[in-house]
């Protein structure tokens, strides 16, 4: 069963928020960790 438009928009808002948080991180090591976690979560979403 597919997503509704509102569910998809909520997912996109989550991704945007996570990317903004990573982008605002001053510590490069922490920024890389956050980006890796975002990418891992997106990959898991694709595999579900």
PDB file of N, CA and C in Angstrom:
ATOM      1  N   UNK A   1       0.833  -1.181   0.000  1.00  0.00           N
ATOM      2  CA  UNK A   1       0.000   0.000   0.000  1.00  0.00           C
ATOM      3  C   UNK A   1       0.877   1.244   0.000  1.00  0.00           C
ATOM      4  N   UNK A   2       0.546   2.209  -0.835  1.00  0.00           N
ATOM      5  CA  UNK A   2       1.351   3.418  -0.974  1.00  0.00           C
ATOM      6  C   UNK A   2       1.066   4.445   0.105  1.00  0.00           C
ATOM      7  N   UNK A   3       1.842   5.495   0.052  1.00  0.00           N
ATOM      8  CA  UNK A   3       1.704   6.592   1.002  1.00  0.00           C
ATOM      9  C   UNK A   3       0.666   7.595   0.508  1.00  0.00           C
ATOM     10  N   UNK A   4       0.069   8.286   1.443  1.00  0.00           N
ATOM     11  CA  UNK A   4      -0.769   9.412   1.074  1.00  0.00           C
ATOM     12  C   UNK A   4       0.144  10.616   0.828  1.00  0.00           C
ATOM     13  N   UNK A   5      -0.412  11.638   0.198  1.00  0.00           N
ATOM     14  CA  UNK A   5       0.373  12.853  -0.028  1.00  0.00           C
ATOM     15  C   UNK A   5       0.863  13.451   1.282  1.00  0.00           C
ATOM     16  N   UNK A   6       0.017  13.459   2.298  1.00  0.00           N
ATOM     17  CA  UNK A   6       0.420  14.051   3.572  1.00  0.00           C
ATOM     18  C   UNK A   6       1.515  13.233   4.250  1.00  0.00           C
ATOM     19  N   UNK A   7       1.491  11.902   4.106  1.00  0.00           N
ATOM     20  CA  UNK A   7       2.559  11.068   4.662  1.00  0.00           C
ATOM     21  C   UNK A   7       3.882  11.329   3.944  1.00  0.00           C
ATOM     22  N   UNK A   8       3.820  11.462   2.632  1.00  0.00           N
ATOM     23  CA  UNK A   8       5.032  11.736   1.863  1.00  0.00           C
ATOM     24  C   UNK A   8       5.598  13.109   2.230  1.00  0.00           C
ATOM     25  N   UNK A   9       4.732  14.096   2.365  1.00  0.00           N
ATOM     26  CA  UNK A   9       5.190  15.432   2.742  1.00  0.00           C
ATOM     27  C   UNK A   9       5.833  15.424   4.122  1.00  0.00           C
ATOM     28  N   UNK A  10       5.269  14.657   5.041  1.00  0.00           N
ATOM     29  CA  UNK A  10       5.845  14.541   6.385  1.00  0.00           C
ATOM     30  C   UNK A  10       7.237  13.923   6.308  1.00  0.00           C
ATOM     31  N   UNK A  11       7.395  12.917   5.471  1.00  0.00           N
ATOM     32  CA  UNK A  11       8.704  12.280   5.292  1.00  0.00           C
ATOM     33  C   UNK A  11       9.712  13.287   4.739  1.00  0.00           C
ATOM     34  N   UNK A  12       9.286  14.057   3.740  1.00  0.00           N
ATOM     35  CA  UNK A  12      10.179  15.059   3.148  1.00  0.00           C
ATOM     36  C   UNK A  12      10.554  16.121   4.179  1.00  0.00           C
ATOM     37  N   UNK A  13       9.606  16.541   5.006  1.00  0.00           N
ATOM     38  CA  UNK A  13       9.909  17.508   6.068  1.00  0.00           C
ATOM     39  C   UNK A  13      10.952  16.945   7.024  1.00  0.00           C
ATOM     40  N   UNK A  14      10.836  15.658   7.358  1.00  0.00           N
ATOM     41  CA  UNK A  14      11.817  15.013   8.233  1.00  0.00           C
ATOM     42  C   UNK A  14      13.211  15.052   7.588  1.00  0.00           C
ATOM     43  N   UNK A  15      13.284  14.720   6.316  1.00  0.00           N
ATOM     44  CA  UNK A  15      14.577  14.700   5.625  1.00  0.00           C
ATOM     45  C   UNK A  15      15.178  16.102   5.569  1.00  0.00           C
ATOM     46  N   UNK A  16      14.362  17.090   5.234  1.00  0.00           N
ATOM     47  CA  UNK A  16      14.850  18.469   5.172  1.00  0.00           C
ATOM     48  C   UNK A  16      15.371  18.911   6.539  1.00  0.00           C
ATOM     49  N   UNK A  17      14.626  18.616   7.587  1.00  0.00           N
ATOM     50  CA  UNK A  17      15.039  18.999   8.936  1.00  0.00           C
ATOM     51  C   UNK A  17      16.365  18.336   9.314  1.00  0.00           C
ATOM     52  N   UNK A  18      16.500  17.065   8.999  1.00  0.00           N
ATOM     53  CA  UNK A  18      17.739  16.344   9.317  1.00  0.00           C
ATOM     54  C   UNK A  18      18.916  16.915   8.526  1.00  0.00           C
ATOM     55  N   UNK A  19      18.694  17.255   7.270  1.00  0.00           N
ATOM     56  CA  UNK A  19      19.768  17.829   6.447  1.00  0.00           C
ATOM     57  C   UNK A  19      20.164  19.218   6.936  1.00  0.00           C
ATOM     58  N   UNK A  20      19.183  20.020   7.324  1.00  0.00           N
ATOM     59  CA  UNK A  20      19.498  21.347   7.871  1.00  0.00           C
ATOM     60  C   UNK A  20      20.310  21.212   9.154  1.00  0.00           C
ATOM     61  N   UNK A  21      19.918  20.276  10.010  1.00  0.00           N
ATOM     62  CA  UNK A  21      20.645  20.051  11.251  1.00  0.00           C
ATOM     63  C   UNK A  21      22.092  19.657  10.969  1.00  0.00           C
ATOM     64  N   UNK A  22      22.283  18.761  10.037  1.00  0.00           N
ATOM     65  CA  UNK A  22      23.647  18.338   9.685  1.00  0.00           C
ATOM     66  C   UNK A  22      24.430  19.497   9.076  1.00  0.00           C
ATOM     67  N   UNK A  23      23.780  20.268   8.230  1.00  0.00           N
ATOM     68  CA  UNK A  23      24.438  21.394   7.574  1.00  0.00           C
ATOM     69  C   UNK A  23      24.874  22.459   8.578  1.00  0.00           C
ATOM     70  N   UNK A  24      24.095  22.645   9.646  1.00  0.00           N
ATOM     71  CA  UNK A  24      24.406  23.660  10.655  1.00  0.00           C
ATOM     72  C   UNK A  24      25.465  23.208  11.660  1.00  0.00           C
ATOM     73  N   UNK A  25      25.815  21.935  11.631  1.00  0.00           N
ATOM     74  CA  UNK A  25      26.806  21.395  12.571  1.00  0.00           C
ATOM     75  C   UNK A  25      28.178  21.998  12.284  1.00  0.00           C
ATOM     76  N   UNK A  26      28.771  22.577  13.298  1.00  0.00           N
ATOM     77  CA  UNK A  26      30.083  23.232  13.133  1.00  0.00           C
ATOM     78  C   UNK A  26      31.231  22.209  13.138  1.00  0.00           C
ATOM     79  N   UNK A  27      31.101  21.176  13.935  1.00  0.00           N
ATOM     80  CA  UNK A  27      32.146  20.157  14.045  1.00  0.00           C
ATOM     81  C   UNK A  27      32.074  19.222  12.834  1.00  0.00           C
ATOM     82  N   UNK A  28      33.142  19.194  12.062  1.00  0.00           N
ATOM     83  CA  UNK A  28      33.155  18.417  10.818  1.00  0.00           C
ATOM     84  C   UNK A  28      32.934  16.921  11.062  1.00  0.00           C
ATOM     85  N   UNK A  29      33.509  16.381  12.120  1.00  0.00           N
ATOM     86  CA  UNK A  29      33.330  14.958  12.418  1.00  0.00           C
ATOM     87  C   UNK A  29      31.865  14.657  12.749  1.00  0.00           C
ATOM     88  N   UNK A  30      31.238  15.531  13.538  1.00  0.00           N
ATOM     89  CA  UNK A  30      29.830  15.341  13.876  1.00  0.00           C
ATOM     90  C   UNK A  30      28.951  15.508  12.632  1.00  0.00           C
ATOM     91  N   UNK A  31      29.310  16.463  11.768  1.00  0.00           N
ATOM     92  CA  UNK A  31      28.553  16.675  10.536  1.00  0.00           C
ATOM     93  C   UNK A  31      28.594  15.412   9.671  1.00  0.00           C
ATOM     94  N   UNK A  32      29.769  14.817   9.563  1.00  0.00           N
ATOM     95  CA  UNK A  32      29.899  13.595   8.768  1.00  0.00           C
ATOM     96  C   UNK A  32      29.079  12.454   9.377  1.00  0.00           C
ATOM     97  N   UNK A  33      29.088  12.354  10.709  1.00  0.00           N
ATOM     98  CA  UNK A  33      28.294  11.324  11.390  1.00  0.00           C
ATOM     99  C   UNK A  33      26.805  11.513  11.115  1.00  0.00           C
ATOM    100  N   UNK A  34      26.348  12.748  11.205  1.00  0.00           N
ATOM    101  CA  UNK A  34      24.936  13.034  10.964  1.00  0.00           C
ATOM    102  C   UNK A  34      24.552  12.718   9.513  1.00  0.00           C
ATOM    103  N   UNK A  35      25.407  13.092   8.577  1.00  0.00           N
ATOM    104  CA  UNK A  35      25.118  12.813   7.169  1.00  0.00           C
ATOM    105  C   UNK A  35      25.109  11.305   6.905  1.00  0.00           C
ATOM    106  N   UNK A  36      26.027  10.593   7.520  1.00  0.00           N
ATOM    107  CA  UNK A  36      26.067   9.139   7.353  1.00  0.00           C
ATOM    108  C   UNK A  36      24.790   8.501   7.894  1.00  0.00           C
ATOM    109  N   UNK A  37      24.303   9.011   9.024  1.00  0.00           N
ATOM    110  CA  UNK A  37      23.076   8.482   9.620  1.00  0.00           C
ATOM    111  C   UNK A  37      21.867   8.773   8.727  1.00  0.00           C
ATOM    112  N   UNK A  38      21.805   9.962   8.164  1.00  0.00           N
ATOM    113  CA  UNK A  38      20.717  10.314   7.245  1.00  0.00           C
ATOM    114  C   UNK A  38      20.738   9.383   6.041  1.00  0.00           C
ATOM    115  N   UNK A  39      21.905   9.189   5.466  1.00  0.00           N
ATOM    116  CA  UNK A  39      22.031   8.306   4.305  1.00  0.00           C
ATOM    117  C   UNK A  39      21.654   6.868   4.644  1.00  0.00           C
ATOM    118  N   UNK A  40      22.071   6.413   5.807  1.00  0.00           N
ATOM    119  CA  UNK A  40      21.732   5.058   6.253  1.00  0.00           C
ATOM    120  C   UNK A  40      20.217   4.906   6.401  1.00  0.00           C
ATOM    121  N   UNK A  41      19.577   5.901   7.017  1.00  0.00           N
ATOM    122  CA  UNK A  41      18.134   5.853   7.193  1.00  0.00           C
ATOM    123  C   UNK A  41      17.388   5.869   5.854  1.00  0.00           C
ATOM    124  N   UNK A  42      17.860   6.686   4.932  1.00  0.00           N
ATOM    125  CA  UNK A  42      17.229   6.732   3.602  1.00  0.00           C
ATOM    126  C   UNK A  42      17.386   5.386   2.881  1.00  0.00           C
ATOM    127  N   UNK A  43      18.557   4.772   2.993  1.00  0.00           N
ATOM    128  CA  UNK A  43      18.782   3.480   2.356  1.00  0.00           C
ATOM    129  C   UNK A  43      17.871   2.431   2.957  1.00  0.00           C
ATOM    130  N   UNK A  44      17.735   2.422   4.289  1.00  0.00           N
ATOM    131  CA  UNK A  44      16.843   1.469   4.950  1.00  0.00           C
ATOM    132  C   UNK A  44      15.399   1.674   4.497  1.00  0.00           C
ATOM    133  N   UNK A  45      15.015   2.926   4.318  1.00  0.00           N
ATOM    134  CA  UNK A  45      13.651   3.222   3.853  1.00  0.00           C
ATOM    135  C   UNK A  45      13.408   2.622   2.472  1.00  0.00           C
ATOM    136  N   UNK A  46      14.392   2.715   1.612  1.00  0.00           N
ATOM    137  CA  UNK A  46      14.269   2.142   0.270  1.00  0.00           C
ATOM    138  C   UNK A  46      14.145   0.624   0.313  1.00  0.00           C
ATOM    139  N   UNK A  47      14.808  -0.006   1.267  1.00  0.00           N
ATOM    140  CA  UNK A  47      14.844  -1.453   1.356  1.00  0.00           C
ATOM    141  C   UNK A  47      13.608  -2.042   2.030  1.00  0.00           C
ATOM    142  N   UNK A  48      12.834  -1.207   2.733  1.00  0.00           N
ATOM    143  CA  UNK A  48      11.617  -1.697   3.413  1.00  0.00           C
ATOM    144  C   UNK A  48      10.532  -2.056   2.419  1.00  0.00           C
TER     145      UNK A  48
END
